[in-house]
Amino acid sequence: MLKRQAGRLLAAVVLGAALVSLPTGQAGAAGTTGIAACTWQKTLWELPEGTEAGEINGYDGGRYAVGNTGLDFAWGDGLVDPRATLWDNGRVVMRGAGQVPYFNDVNASGLVVGAMYLNQRFYAITVAHDGTMTDLPANPAWTSSWASWVNNRGDIIGWGTIGSAKSRMVVWPANAPGTYREVTMPDAHGVSLVDVDEQGRVIIGVSPGGSYVLTPAGQWTTLAAPGVKGAGIPRDIRDGRVVGRLDIAPNYGGAVAEWDAQGAVVRTIGRPAVEGISLGGNGTIAGYGFVGSSQRVMLWRDGVMVAQPIAARFELTGLSDDERTIVGVEADRPAHYRCS
C-alpha cells in the first residue's frame, strides 16, 4: 500500500482559508408549490486572483464543490493553466499550486477525492481539510489508480489500471478503512463511472451499448431502454433512483428518464424535456428542456415541469439536497441560483 502524507505532496495545494466546521444539515425541503413560486437569485462564485474562469467536477448537494480554475481560452471551451479548486459555499478554500493534483469529487464532510500524478503514474488520493493528501490503498500490480466519486458515507469508487489497456473498477469502502475491492465489470468496452449513491449503488455507462447499476450486494442490473436507439444514458443516482436520458422511437428525440433500483423505467418526460441531470433530496429532477430552439434548465416533479428557473444558458452540475439551490457554470463562471 502506498502512503504519502504532508511533505512533498502537501506543497501541491494552497489553502485559501481553513476549512470550517462540518455542515449542520440541510434546510427544510422545498415543496413543489414553493419551487414554482421561487424568485431565483444568482450568485457568482469566487475566483482566485489572476484567474477568470472555472468549471465544476463534483458537488456534495450542500456547501462543497470541486473543479478547476484558470484563464479562459480565447477560442473554444476549456481553461488555460487549470488548477484544482475547492469551494465552500462559493468561496475558494483550497487550490492546487500546479496542474496536479486533480480534484474529482467531494462529499458533505469536505473530503476531496481525485488523483496525483507523480513519477509517470497516477495515484488515487484523498485530500483532507488541512490540505494533506493520502494515497488510497492499491494493488501492487496496478500501474495507475484514480478516485472518481465519493458519497457522504465515505465510500469511494474509481479505477485501477494495469498497463495501458486493462482497467477495473475499484471500491474503497468507508466501513473498512485501508482496504479496497476490485469489481468484476460487465463484458463491455468504453465504461464510464457516472455516480454512487449513499447506499453504495454505482451507475456506469457503456459505449457502445448499455448502462448498469451495481447493487449493494454486488450484482449488476441493466438499465432498461425500451424504444431507444442505442442505450439509456444515466446521469445521477439517489437512494436507488436513477435519472438521465432516453432517445425515444419513432423519432428518437431526447426525453428525461427515471429508473428504479432494479433498472426498470418508472417514467419518461417528453418534449420540451430533453435530459435529467440531478436529483434533489425530495425527488425533484433538474435537467434540460427546450425553450424555442435553445436548451435551458428546468425542474420536474412527478413527471410535471414545476419551474424554469434560469433564463440564461447554464451548464448544470446539480440540484441541492434541499432543492432550493441550483449549481453550475454560466458564461465560464461557477455560480448558483438560490430560491427565495
C-alpha atoms as a PDB file:
ATOM      1  CA  MET A   1       0.000   0.000   0.000  1.00  0.00           C
ATOM      2  CA  LEU A   2       1.314   3.420  -0.931  1.00  0.00           C
ATOM      3  CA  LYS A   3       1.142   6.042   1.766  1.00  0.00           C
ATOM      4  CA  ARG A   4       2.247   9.661   1.498  1.00  0.00           C
ATOM      5  CA  GLN A   5       1.198  12.386   3.862  1.00  0.00           C
ATOM      6  CA  ALA A   6       2.302  16.012   4.146  1.00  0.00           C
ATOM      7  CA  GLY A   7       5.901  16.544   2.968  1.00  0.00           C
ATOM      8  CA  ARG A   8       6.331  16.905  -0.777  1.00  0.00           C
ATOM      9  CA  LEU A   9       2.676  16.347  -1.616  1.00  0.00           C
ATOM     10  CA  LEU A  10       1.322  18.938   0.780  1.00  0.00           C
ATOM     11  CA  ALA A  11       3.229  21.535  -1.241  1.00  0.00           C
ATOM     12  CA  ALA A  12       0.965  20.810  -4.192  1.00  0.00           C
ATOM     13  CA  VAL A  13      -2.034  22.639  -2.722  1.00  0.00           C
ATOM     14  CA  VAL A  14      -2.552  26.065  -1.268  1.00  0.00           C
ATOM     15  CA  LEU A  15      -5.113  26.704   1.445  1.00  0.00           C
ATOM     16  CA  GLY A  16      -7.148  29.848   0.874  1.00  0.00           C
ATOM     17  CA  ALA A  17      -8.624  29.622   4.368  1.00  0.00           C
ATOM     18  CA  ALA A  18      -9.076  26.939   6.980  1.00  0.00           C
ATOM     19  CA  LEU A  19     -11.983  24.652   6.207  1.00  0.00           C
ATOM     20  CA  VAL A  20     -14.627  25.314   8.794  1.00  0.00           C
ATOM     21  CA  SER A  21     -16.829  23.013  10.852  1.00  0.00           C
ATOM     22  CA  LEU A  22     -18.902  20.223   9.367  1.00  0.00           C
ATOM     23  CA  PRO A  23     -22.242  21.144   7.828  1.00  0.00           C
ATOM     24  CA  THR A  24     -25.186  21.435  10.171  1.00  0.00           C
ATOM     25  CA  GLY A  25     -27.626  19.827   7.761  1.00  0.00           C
ATOM     26  CA  GLN A  26     -29.934  20.998   5.051  1.00  0.00           C
ATOM     27  CA  ALA A  27     -32.735  23.488   5.395  1.00  0.00           C
ATOM     28  CA  GLY A  28     -36.322  22.336   5.176  1.00  0.00           C
ATOM     29  CA  ALA A  29     -37.442  20.806   1.920  1.00  0.00           C
ATOM     30  CA  ALA A  30     -38.926  22.994  -0.764  1.00  0.00           C
ATOM     31  CA  GLY A  31     -42.283  21.623  -1.808  1.00  0.00           C
ATOM     32  CA  THR A  32     -43.479  21.749  -5.391  1.00  0.00           C
ATOM     33  CA  THR A  33     -45.543  24.855  -4.670  1.00  0.00           C
ATOM     34  CA  GLY A  34     -42.537  26.560  -3.077  1.00  0.00           C
ATOM     35  CA  ILE A  35     -40.299  25.832  -6.056  1.00  0.00           C
ATOM     36  CA  ALA A  36     -42.882  27.088  -8.503  1.00  0.00           C
ATOM     37  CA  ALA A  37     -43.241  30.343  -6.560  1.00  0.00           C
ATOM     38  CA  CYS A  38     -39.488  30.951  -6.191  1.00  0.00           C
ATOM     39  CA  THR A  39     -37.547  34.001  -7.197  1.00  0.00           C
ATOM     40  CA  TRP A  40     -34.218  32.535  -8.257  1.00  0.00           C
ATOM     41  CA  GLN A  41     -31.320  34.837  -7.396  1.00  0.00           C
ATOM     42  CA  LYS A  42     -27.891  34.327  -8.986  1.00  0.00           C
ATOM     43  CA  THR A  43     -24.638  34.441  -7.017  1.00  0.00           C
ATOM     44  CA  LEU A  44     -21.274  34.290  -8.784  1.00  0.00           C
ATOM     45  CA  TRP A  45     -18.624  32.219  -7.041  1.00  0.00           C
ATOM     46  CA  GLU A  46     -15.239  33.488  -6.000  1.00  0.00           C
ATOM     47  CA  LEU A  47     -12.295  33.000  -8.353  1.00  0.00           C
ATOM     48  CA  PRO A  48      -8.648  33.079  -7.240  1.00  0.00           C
ATOM     49  CA  GLU A  49      -6.688  36.213  -8.032  1.00  0.00           C
ATOM     50  CA  GLY A  50      -5.323  36.161 -11.571  1.00  0.00           C
ATOM     51  CA  THR A  51      -7.999  33.782 -12.905  1.00  0.00           C
ATOM     52  CA  GLU A  52     -11.117  34.495 -14.919  1.00  0.00           C
ATOM     53  CA  ALA A  53     -12.984  31.215 -15.418  1.00  0.00           C
ATOM     54  CA  GLY A  54     -13.861  27.953 -13.751  1.00  0.00           C
ATOM     55  CA  GLU A  55     -15.517  24.588 -14.160  1.00  0.00           C
ATOM     56  CA  ILE A  56     -17.148  22.235 -11.640  1.00  0.00           C
ATOM     57  CA  ASN A  57     -16.425  18.500 -11.470  1.00  0.00           C
ATOM     58  CA  GLY A  58     -18.268  17.483  -8.304  1.00  0.00           C
ATOM     59  CA  TYR A  59     -20.847  18.896  -5.870  1.00  0.00           C
ATOM     60  CA  ASP A  60     -21.930  17.499  -2.498  1.00  0.00           C
ATOM     61  CA  GLY A  61     -25.514  18.772  -2.677  1.00  0.00           C
ATOM     62  CA  GLY A  62     -24.909  21.369   0.011  1.00  0.00           C
ATOM     63  CA  ARG A  63     -21.869  23.534   0.624  1.00  0.00           C
ATOM     64  CA  TYR A  64     -18.834  21.988  -1.109  1.00  0.00           C
ATOM     65  CA  ALA A  65     -17.856  21.743  -4.771  1.00  0.00           C
ATOM     66  CA  VAL A  66     -14.642  20.917  -6.622  1.00  0.00           C
ATOM     67  CA  GLY A  67     -13.407  21.722 -10.096  1.00  0.00           C
ATOM     68  CA  ASN A  68     -10.777  23.814 -11.826  1.00  0.00           C
ATOM     69  CA  THR A  69      -9.987  27.492 -12.183  1.00  0.00           C
ATOM     70  CA  GLY A  70      -7.728  29.279 -14.642  1.00  0.00           C
ATOM     71  CA  LEU A  71      -7.720  31.590 -17.617  1.00  0.00           C
ATOM     72  CA  ASP A  72     -10.339  31.345 -20.333  1.00  0.00           C
ATOM     73  CA  PHE A  73      -9.386  30.132 -23.790  1.00  0.00           C
ATOM     74  CA  ALA A  74      -9.708  32.849 -26.406  1.00  0.00           C
ATOM     75  CA  TRP A  75     -11.423  30.314 -28.681  1.00  0.00           C
ATOM     76  CA  GLY A  76     -13.474  27.298 -27.708  1.00  0.00           C
ATOM     77  CA  ASP A  77     -14.057  25.626 -24.360  1.00  0.00           C
ATOM     78  CA  GLY A  78     -11.648  24.745 -21.585  1.00  0.00           C
ATOM     79  CA  LEU A  79      -9.173  26.527 -19.349  1.00  0.00           C
ATOM     80  CA  VAL A  80      -5.618  27.749 -19.738  1.00  0.00           C
ATOM     81  CA  ASP A  81      -3.377  26.559 -16.870  1.00  0.00           C
ATOM     82  CA  PRO A  82      -6.199  24.843 -14.937  1.00  0.00           C
ATOM     83  CA  ARG A  83      -5.673  24.278 -11.197  1.00  0.00           C
ATOM     84  CA  ALA A  84      -7.755  22.050  -8.935  1.00  0.00           C
ATOM     85  CA  THR A  85     -10.027  24.132  -6.712  1.00  0.00           C
ATOM     86  CA  LEU A  86     -12.308  23.508  -3.707  1.00  0.00           C
ATOM     87  CA  TRP A  87     -15.179  25.888  -2.941  1.00  0.00           C
ATOM     88  CA  ASP A  88     -17.115  26.162   0.318  1.00  0.00           C
ATOM     89  CA  ASN A  89     -20.415  27.976  -0.267  1.00  0.00           C
ATOM     90  CA  GLY A  90     -18.883  29.644  -3.324  1.00  0.00           C
ATOM     91  CA  ARG A  91     -15.704  30.724  -1.535  1.00  0.00           C
ATOM     92  CA  VAL A  92     -12.320  29.331  -2.612  1.00  0.00           C
ATOM     93  CA  VAL A  93     -10.719  27.479   0.301  1.00  0.00           C
ATOM     94  CA  MET A  94      -8.128  25.324  -1.485  1.00  0.00           C
ATOM     95  CA  ARG A  95      -6.357  25.498  -4.831  1.00  0.00           C
ATOM     96  CA  GLY A  96      -3.624  23.416  -6.437  1.00  0.00           C
ATOM     97  CA  ALA A  97      -0.260  25.094  -6.833  1.00  0.00           C
ATOM     98  CA  GLY A  98       0.296  23.312 -10.166  1.00  0.00           C
ATOM     99  CA  GLN A  99      -1.658  21.347 -12.752  1.00  0.00           C
ATOM    100  CA  VAL A 100      -1.757  18.401 -10.352  1.00  0.00           C
ATOM    101  CA  PRO A 101      -3.421  17.176  -8.175  1.00  0.00           C
ATOM    102  CA  TYR A 102      -6.818  16.558  -9.758  1.00  0.00           C
ATOM    103  CA  PHE A 103      -9.951  17.108  -7.661  1.00  0.00           C
ATOM    104  CA  ASN A 104     -12.810  14.936  -8.972  1.00  0.00           C
ATOM    105  CA  ASP A 105     -15.462  14.913  -6.243  1.00  0.00           C
ATOM    106  CA  VAL A 106     -16.226  15.996  -2.669  1.00  0.00           C
ATOM    107  CA  ASN A 107     -18.683  14.880  -0.001  1.00  0.00           C
ATOM    108  CA  ALA A 108     -20.627  16.721   2.687  1.00  0.00           C
ATOM    109  CA  SER A 109     -17.723  16.416   5.142  1.00  0.00           C
ATOM    110  CA  GLY A 110     -15.461  18.248   2.707  1.00  0.00           C
ATOM    111  CA  LEU A 111     -13.465  15.106   1.856  1.00  0.00           C
ATOM    112  CA  VAL A 112     -11.994  15.532  -1.625  1.00  0.00           C
ATOM    113  CA  VAL A 113     -11.083  12.591  -3.863  1.00  0.00           C
ATOM    114  CA  GLY A 114      -9.019  12.645  -7.015  1.00  0.00           C
ATOM    115  CA  ALA A 115      -5.581  11.761  -8.278  1.00  0.00           C
ATOM    116  CA  MET A 116      -1.952  12.832  -8.071  1.00  0.00           C
ATOM    117  CA  TYR A 117       0.471  12.414 -10.964  1.00  0.00           C
ATOM    118  CA  LEU A 118       3.979  11.513  -9.884  1.00  0.00           C
ATOM    119  CA  ASN A 119       6.804   9.507 -11.459  1.00  0.00           C
ATOM    120  CA  GLN A 120       4.809   8.977 -14.663  1.00  0.00           C
ATOM    121  CA  ARG A 121       1.778   7.413 -12.981  1.00  0.00           C
ATOM    122  CA  PHE A 122      -1.488   8.426 -11.316  1.00  0.00           C
ATOM    123  CA  TYR A 123      -2.241   7.692  -7.664  1.00  0.00           C
ATOM    124  CA  ALA A 124      -5.793   7.751  -6.306  1.00  0.00           C
ATOM    125  CA  ILE A 125      -5.869  10.145  -3.360  1.00  0.00           C
ATOM    126  CA  THR A 126      -7.998  11.777  -0.729  1.00  0.00           C
ATOM    127  CA  VAL A 127      -7.405  15.356   0.375  1.00  0.00           C
ATOM    128  CA  ALA A 128      -8.128  16.325   3.979  1.00  0.00           C
ATOM    129  CA  HIS A 129      -9.214  19.652   5.464  1.00  0.00           C
ATOM    130  CA  ASP A 130      -5.629  20.759   6.092  1.00  0.00           C
ATOM    131  CA  GLY A 131      -4.562  20.013   2.516  1.00  0.00           C
ATOM    132  CA  THR A 132      -2.829  16.740   3.345  1.00  0.00           C
ATOM    133  CA  MET A 133      -3.026  14.203   0.533  1.00  0.00           C
ATOM    134  CA  THR A 134      -3.112  10.494   1.294  1.00  0.00           C
ATOM    135  CA  ASP A 135      -2.831   7.687  -1.242  1.00  0.00           C
ATOM    136  CA  LEU A 136      -5.681   5.239  -1.253  1.00  0.00           C
ATOM    137  CA  PRO A 137      -4.608   1.603  -0.830  1.00  0.00           C
ATOM    138  CA  ALA A 138      -3.641  -0.037  -4.091  1.00  0.00           C
ATOM    139  CA  ASN A 139      -2.939  -3.412  -5.649  1.00  0.00           C
ATOM    140  CA  PRO A 140       0.825  -3.594  -6.299  1.00  0.00           C
ATOM    141  CA  ALA A 141       0.001  -4.837  -9.812  1.00  0.00           C
ATOM    142  CA  TRP A 142      -1.727  -1.581 -10.736  1.00  0.00           C
ATOM    143  CA  THR A 143       0.321   0.831 -12.774  1.00  0.00           C
ATOM    144  CA  SER A 144      -2.079   3.707 -12.017  1.00  0.00           C
ATOM    145  CA  SER A 145      -5.186   4.407  -9.948  1.00  0.00           C
ATOM    146  CA  TRP A 146      -7.803   7.148  -9.960  1.00  0.00           C
ATOM    147  CA  ALA A 147     -10.578   8.103  -7.496  1.00  0.00           C
ATOM    148  CA  SER A 148     -13.684   9.368  -9.299  1.00  0.00           C
ATOM    149  CA  TRP A 149     -16.606   9.703  -6.845  1.00  0.00           C
ATOM    150  CA  VAL A 150     -17.309   9.731  -3.108  1.00  0.00           C
ATOM    151  CA  ASN A 151     -20.604   9.575  -1.244  1.00  0.00           C
ATOM    152  CA  ASN A 152     -21.424  11.186   2.090  1.00  0.00           C
ATOM    153  CA  ARG A 153     -20.803   7.918   3.893  1.00  0.00           C
ATOM    154  CA  GLY A 154     -17.235   7.988   2.572  1.00  0.00           C
ATOM    155  CA  ASP A 155     -17.395   5.158   0.015  1.00  0.00           C
ATOM    156  CA  ILE A 156     -15.059   5.962  -2.884  1.00  0.00           C
ATOM    157  CA  ILE A 157     -15.189   4.494  -6.383  1.00  0.00           C
ATOM    158  CA  GLY A 158     -12.606   4.759  -9.104  1.00  0.00           C
ATOM    159  CA  TRP A 159     -10.195   2.828 -11.281  1.00  0.00           C
ATOM    160  CA  GLY A 160      -7.157   0.623 -11.005  1.00  0.00           C
ATOM    161  CA  THR A 161      -5.187   0.157 -14.211  1.00  0.00           C
ATOM    162  CA  ILE A 162      -2.653  -2.406 -15.345  1.00  0.00           C
ATOM    163  CA  GLY A 163      -0.667  -1.183 -18.320  1.00  0.00           C
ATOM    164  CA  SER A 164      -2.466   0.781 -20.996  1.00  0.00           C
ATOM    165  CA  ALA A 165      -5.443  -1.451 -21.694  1.00  0.00           C
ATOM    166  CA  LYS A 166      -6.690  -3.199 -18.554  1.00  0.00           C
ATOM    167  CA  SER A 167      -8.767  -1.175 -16.101  1.00  0.00           C
ATOM    168  CA  ARG A 168     -11.020  -2.402 -13.376  1.00  0.00           C
ATOM    169  CA  MET A 169     -13.492  -0.613 -11.165  1.00  0.00           C
ATOM    170  CA  VAL A 170     -12.365  -0.252  -7.551  1.00  0.00           C
ATOM    171  CA  VAL A 171     -14.387   0.429  -4.400  1.00  0.00           C
ATOM    172  CA  TRP A 172     -12.666   1.810  -1.297  1.00  0.00           C
ATOM    173  CA  PRO A 173     -15.380   1.130   1.339  1.00  0.00           C
ATOM    174  CA  ALA A 174     -15.935   3.551   4.213  1.00  0.00           C
ATOM    175  CA  ASN A 175     -16.751   0.714   6.629  1.00  0.00           C
ATOM    176  CA  ALA A 176     -13.368  -0.967   6.053  1.00  0.00           C
ATOM    177  CA  PRO A 177     -10.710   1.778   6.032  1.00  0.00           C
ATOM    178  CA  GLY A 178      -7.414   0.821   4.438  1.00  0.00           C
ATOM    179  CA  THR A 179      -8.988  -1.778   2.142  1.00  0.00           C
ATOM    180  CA  TYR A 180     -10.202  -1.889  -1.443  1.00  0.00           C
ATOM    181  CA  ARG A 181     -12.330  -4.187  -3.562  1.00  0.00           C
ATOM    182  CA  GLU A 182     -11.860  -4.825  -7.270  1.00  0.00           C
ATOM    183  CA  VAL A 183     -15.211  -5.241  -9.009  1.00  0.00           C
ATOM    184  CA  THR A 184     -15.888  -7.576 -11.917  1.00  0.00           C
ATOM    185  CA  MET A 185     -17.346  -5.444 -14.705  1.00  0.00           C
ATOM    186  CA  PRO A 186     -19.954  -6.265 -17.356  1.00  0.00           C
ATOM    187  CA  ASP A 187     -18.420  -7.597 -20.546  1.00  0.00           C
ATOM    188  CA  ALA A 188     -18.190  -4.261 -22.349  1.00  0.00           C
ATOM    189  CA  HIS A 189     -15.776  -1.594 -23.517  1.00  0.00           C
ATOM    190  CA  GLY A 190     -15.803   2.155 -23.059  1.00  0.00           C
ATOM    191  CA  VAL A 191     -17.051   2.074 -19.462  1.00  0.00           C
ATOM    192  CA  SER A 192     -17.536   5.358 -17.600  1.00  0.00           C
ATOM    193  CA  LEU A 193     -18.265   5.702 -13.879  1.00  0.00           C
ATOM    194  CA  VAL A 194     -21.265   8.018 -13.512  1.00  0.00           C
ATOM    195  CA  ASP A 195     -22.171   8.252  -9.810  1.00  0.00           C
ATOM    196  CA  VAL A 196     -22.556   6.475  -6.460  1.00  0.00           C
ATOM    197  CA  ASP A 197     -25.435   6.887  -4.004  1.00  0.00           C
ATOM    198  CA  GLU A 198     -25.463   6.798  -0.190  1.00  0.00           C
ATOM    199  CA  GLN A 199     -26.189   3.056  -0.095  1.00  0.00           C
ATOM    200  CA  GLY A 200     -23.208   2.284  -2.329  1.00  0.00           C
ATOM    201  CA  ARG A 201     -25.068   1.667  -5.585  1.00  0.00           C
ATOM    202  CA  VAL A 202     -22.940   2.607  -8.592  1.00  0.00           C
ATOM    203  CA  ILE A 203     -24.144   3.550 -12.061  1.00  0.00           C
ATOM    204  CA  ILE A 204     -21.973   3.142 -15.128  1.00  0.00           C
ATOM    205  CA  GLY A 205     -22.394   3.942 -18.792  1.00  0.00           C
ATOM    206  CA  VAL A 206     -21.007   1.781 -21.558  1.00  0.00           C
ATOM    207  CA  SER A 207     -20.191   2.916 -25.077  1.00  0.00           C
ATOM    208  CA  PRO A 208     -21.461   1.377 -27.181  1.00  0.00           C
ATOM    209  CA  GLY A 209     -24.414  -0.403 -25.801  1.00  0.00           C
ATOM    210  CA  GLY A 210     -25.699  -0.209 -22.263  1.00  0.00           C
ATOM    211  CA  SER A 211     -25.945   1.268 -18.786  1.00  0.00           C
ATOM    212  CA  TYR A 212     -25.867  -0.606 -15.491  1.00  0.00           C
ATOM    213  CA  VAL A 213     -26.462  -0.316 -11.755  1.00  0.00           C
ATOM    214  CA  LEU A 214     -24.245  -2.167  -9.279  1.00  0.00           C
ATOM    215  CA  THR A 215     -26.360  -3.167  -6.274  1.00  0.00           C
ATOM    216  CA  PRO A 216     -25.013  -3.105  -2.683  1.00  0.00           C
ATOM    217  CA  ALA A 217     -24.986  -6.917  -2.911  1.00  0.00           C
ATOM    218  CA  GLY A 218     -22.532  -6.716  -5.808  1.00  0.00           C
ATOM    219  CA  GLN A 219     -24.895  -7.621  -8.658  1.00  0.00           C
ATOM    220  CA  TRP A 220     -25.054  -5.731 -11.962  1.00  0.00           C
ATOM    221  CA  THR A 221     -28.508  -4.751 -13.222  1.00  0.00           C
ATOM    222  CA  THR A 222     -29.132  -3.388 -16.717  1.00  0.00           C
ATOM    223  CA  LEU A 223     -30.984  -0.100 -17.061  1.00  0.00           C
ATOM    224  CA  ALA A 224     -33.901  -0.782 -19.383  1.00  0.00           C
ATOM    225  CA  ALA A 225     -34.018   1.238 -22.592  1.00  0.00           C
ATOM    226  CA  PRO A 226     -37.323   0.491 -24.347  1.00  0.00           C
ATOM    227  CA  GLY A 227     -37.886   2.147 -27.695  1.00  0.00           C
ATOM    228  CA  VAL A 228     -34.368   3.533 -27.674  1.00  0.00           C
ATOM    229  CA  LYS A 229     -31.791   3.797 -30.393  1.00  0.00           C
ATOM    230  CA  GLY A 230     -28.643   2.786 -28.543  1.00  0.00           C
ATOM    231  CA  ALA A 231     -28.899   2.829 -24.752  1.00  0.00           C
ATOM    232  CA  GLY A 232     -30.228   4.888 -21.900  1.00  0.00           C
ATOM    233  CA  ILE A 233     -27.780   7.465 -20.545  1.00  0.00           C
ATOM    234  CA  PRO A 234     -27.752   7.736 -16.715  1.00  0.00           C
ATOM    235  CA  ARG A 235     -26.628  10.971 -15.052  1.00  0.00           C
ATOM    236  CA  ASP A 236     -27.410  10.730 -11.322  1.00  0.00           C
ATOM    237  CA  ILE A 237     -28.479   8.238  -8.657  1.00  0.00           C
ATOM    238  CA  ARG A 238     -30.047   8.917  -5.257  1.00  0.00           C
ATOM    239  CA  ASP A 239     -31.401   6.228  -2.919  1.00  0.00           C
ATOM    240  CA  GLY A 240     -31.623   3.782  -5.815  1.00  0.00           C
ATOM    241  CA  ARG A 241     -33.470   6.141  -8.127  1.00  0.00           C
ATOM    242  CA  VAL A 242     -31.701   6.991 -11.388  1.00  0.00           C
ATOM    243  CA  VAL A 243     -32.285   9.874 -13.795  1.00  0.00           C
ATOM    244  CA  GLY A 244     -30.881  10.538 -17.224  1.00  0.00           C
ATOM    245  CA  ARG A 245     -31.900  10.435 -20.857  1.00  0.00           C
ATOM    246  CA  LEU A 246     -33.637   8.116 -23.284  1.00  0.00           C
ATOM    247  CA  ASP A 247     -33.919   8.608 -27.033  1.00  0.00           C
ATOM    248  CA  ILE A 248     -37.453   7.508 -27.792  1.00  0.00           C
ATOM    249  CA  ALA A 249     -38.752   5.896 -31.003  1.00  0.00           C
ATOM    250  CA  PRO A 250     -40.002   6.599 -33.607  1.00  0.00           C
ATOM    251  CA  ASN A 251     -38.143   9.888 -33.967  1.00  0.00           C
ATOM    252  CA  TYR A 252     -35.592   9.205 -31.220  1.00  0.00           C
ATOM    253  CA  GLY A 253     -35.972  12.627 -29.669  1.00  0.00           C
ATOM    254  CA  GLY A 254     -34.430  13.024 -26.218  1.00  0.00           C
ATOM    255  CA  ALA A 255     -36.571  12.569 -23.102  1.00  0.00           C
ATOM    256  CA  VAL A 256     -35.962  12.715 -19.360  1.00  0.00           C
ATOM    257  CA  ALA A 257     -35.934   9.194 -17.941  1.00  0.00           C
ATOM    258  CA  GLU A 258     -36.351   7.836 -14.420  1.00  0.00           C
ATOM    259  CA  TRP A 259     -35.364   4.286 -13.427  1.00  0.00           C
ATOM    260  CA  ASP A 260     -35.813   2.356 -10.175  1.00  0.00           C
ATOM    261  CA  ALA A 261     -33.094   0.409  -8.369  1.00  0.00           C
ATOM    262  CA  GLN A 262     -33.955  -2.724 -10.386  1.00  0.00           C
ATOM    263  CA  GLY A 263     -33.310  -0.894 -13.674  1.00  0.00           C
ATOM    264  CA  ALA A 264     -36.966  -0.620 -14.736  1.00  0.00           C
ATOM    265  CA  VAL A 265     -38.179   2.620 -16.333  1.00  0.00           C
ATOM    266  CA  VAL A 266     -40.512   4.439 -13.912  1.00  0.00           C
ATOM    267  CA  ARG A 267     -41.454   7.197 -16.364  1.00  0.00           C
ATOM    268  CA  THR A 268     -40.244   9.287 -19.239  1.00  0.00           C
ATOM    269  CA  ILE A 269     -40.886  13.005 -19.718  1.00  0.00           C
ATOM    270  CA  GLY A 270     -41.031  14.109 -23.345  1.00  0.00           C
ATOM    271  CA  ARG A 271     -40.631  17.488 -25.057  1.00  0.00           C
ATOM    272  CA  PRO A 272     -39.821  20.095 -24.092  1.00  0.00           C
ATOM    273  CA  ALA A 273     -37.817  17.864 -21.684  1.00  0.00           C
ATOM    274  CA  VAL A 274     -34.528  16.559 -23.064  1.00  0.00           C
ATOM    275  CA  GLU A 275     -32.402  15.143 -20.237  1.00  0.00           C
ATOM    276  CA  GLY A 276     -32.363  14.705 -16.452  1.00  0.00           C
ATOM    277  CA  ILE A 277     -29.083  15.669 -14.785  1.00  0.00           C
ATOM    278  CA  SER A 278     -29.596  15.767 -11.000  1.00  0.00           C
ATOM    279  CA  LEU A 279     -31.999  14.576  -8.297  1.00  0.00           C
ATOM    280  CA  GLY A 280     -32.866  16.737  -5.296  1.00  0.00           C
ATOM    281  CA  GLY A 281     -33.462  15.337  -1.826  1.00  0.00           C
ATOM    282  CA  ASN A 282     -37.246  15.180  -2.255  1.00  0.00           C
ATOM    283  CA  GLY A 283     -37.396  13.754  -5.754  1.00  0.00           C
ATOM    284  CA  THR A 284     -37.330  16.884  -7.899  1.00  0.00           C
ATOM    285  CA  ILE A 285     -35.343  16.471 -11.113  1.00  0.00           C
ATOM    286  CA  ALA A 286     -33.145  19.206 -12.529  1.00  0.00           C
ATOM    287  CA  GLY A 287     -32.260  18.913 -16.176  1.00  0.00           C
ATOM    288  CA  TYR A 288     -32.580  20.444 -19.613  1.00  0.00           C
ATOM    289  CA  GLY A 289     -35.547  21.209 -21.825  1.00  0.00           C
ATOM    290  CA  PHE A 290     -36.137  23.236 -24.944  1.00  0.00           C
ATOM    291  CA  VAL A 291     -37.303  26.835 -24.871  1.00  0.00           C
ATOM    292  CA  GLY A 292     -37.765  27.599 -28.540  1.00  0.00           C
ATOM    293  CA  SER A 293     -34.575  26.322 -30.171  1.00  0.00           C
ATOM    294  CA  SER A 294     -32.408  26.670 -27.027  1.00  0.00           C
ATOM    295  CA  GLN A 295     -31.900  24.294 -24.118  1.00  0.00           C
ATOM    296  CA  ARG A 296     -32.490  25.744 -20.658  1.00  0.00           C
ATOM    297  CA  VAL A 297     -32.546  24.414 -17.090  1.00  0.00           C
ATOM    298  CA  MET A 298     -35.927  23.078 -15.941  1.00  0.00           C
ATOM    299  CA  LEU A 299     -37.247  21.351 -12.811  1.00  0.00           C
ATOM    300  CA  TRP A 300     -39.738  18.456 -12.819  1.00  0.00           C
ATOM    301  CA  ARG A 301     -41.647  16.737 -10.032  1.00  0.00           C
ATOM    302  CA  ASP A 302     -43.676  13.556 -10.557  1.00  0.00           C
ATOM    303  CA  GLY A 303     -43.332  13.979 -14.298  1.00  0.00           C
ATOM    304  CA  VAL A 304     -44.563  17.583 -14.384  1.00  0.00           C
ATOM    305  CA  MET A 305     -42.444  20.671 -15.001  1.00  0.00           C
ATOM    306  CA  VAL A 306     -42.661  22.892 -11.907  1.00  0.00           C
ATOM    307  CA  ALA A 307     -40.143  25.629 -12.757  1.00  0.00           C
ATOM    308  CA  GLN A 308     -37.916  27.073 -15.447  1.00  0.00           C
ATOM    309  CA  PRO A 309     -35.606  28.934 -13.074  1.00  0.00           C
ATOM    310  CA  ILE A 310     -32.727  30.126 -15.280  1.00  0.00           C
ATOM    311  CA  ALA A 311     -33.263  32.133 -18.421  1.00  0.00           C
ATOM    312  CA  ALA A 312     -29.593  32.157 -19.429  1.00  0.00           C
ATOM    313  CA  ARG A 313     -27.504  29.367 -20.900  1.00  0.00           C
ATOM    314  CA  PHE A 314     -26.324  27.410 -17.849  1.00  0.00           C
ATOM    315  CA  GLU A 315     -24.155  24.296 -17.572  1.00  0.00           C
ATOM    316  CA  LEU A 316     -25.935  22.392 -14.818  1.00  0.00           C
ATOM    317  CA  THR A 317     -23.939  20.486 -12.188  1.00  0.00           C
ATOM    318  CA  GLY A 318     -26.545  19.690  -9.567  1.00  0.00           C
ATOM    319  CA  LEU A 319     -29.645  20.451  -7.539  1.00  0.00           C
ATOM    320  CA  SER A 320     -29.074  20.777  -3.795  1.00  0.00           C
ATOM    321  CA  ASP A 321     -30.399  18.310  -1.233  1.00  0.00           C
ATOM    322  CA  ASP A 322     -32.951  20.868  -0.044  1.00  0.00           C
ATOM    323  CA  GLU A 323     -33.902  21.606  -3.684  1.00  0.00           C
ATOM    324  CA  ARG A 324     -33.502  25.360  -3.250  1.00  0.00           C
ATOM    325  CA  THR A 325     -30.097  25.822  -4.929  1.00  0.00           C
ATOM    326  CA  ILE A 326     -29.019  25.072  -8.499  1.00  0.00           C
ATOM    327  CA  VAL A 327     -25.253  24.855  -9.037  1.00  0.00           C
ATOM    328  CA  GLY A 328     -23.346  25.073 -12.297  1.00  0.00           C
ATOM    329  CA  VAL A 329     -21.436  27.329 -14.665  1.00  0.00           C
ATOM    330  CA  GLU A 330     -22.726  30.355 -16.539  1.00  0.00           C
ATOM    331  CA  ALA A 331     -20.548  32.163 -19.100  1.00  0.00           C
ATOM    332  CA  ASP A 332     -17.484  30.208 -17.845  1.00  0.00           C
ATOM    333  CA  ARG A 333     -18.077  31.332 -14.248  1.00  0.00           C
ATOM    334  CA  PRO A 334     -19.158  28.941 -11.451  1.00  0.00           C
ATOM    335  CA  ALA A 335     -22.375  30.203  -9.915  1.00  0.00           C
ATOM    336  CA  HIS A 336     -25.546  29.166  -8.155  1.00  0.00           C
ATOM    337  CA  TYR A 337     -29.185  30.215  -8.259  1.00  0.00           C
ATOM    338  CA  ARG A 338     -30.961  30.224  -4.908  1.00  0.00           C
ATOM    339  CA  CYS A 339     -34.721  30.014  -4.359  1.00  0.00           C
ATOM    340  CA  SER A 340     -36.022  32.849  -2.230  1.00  0.00           C
END
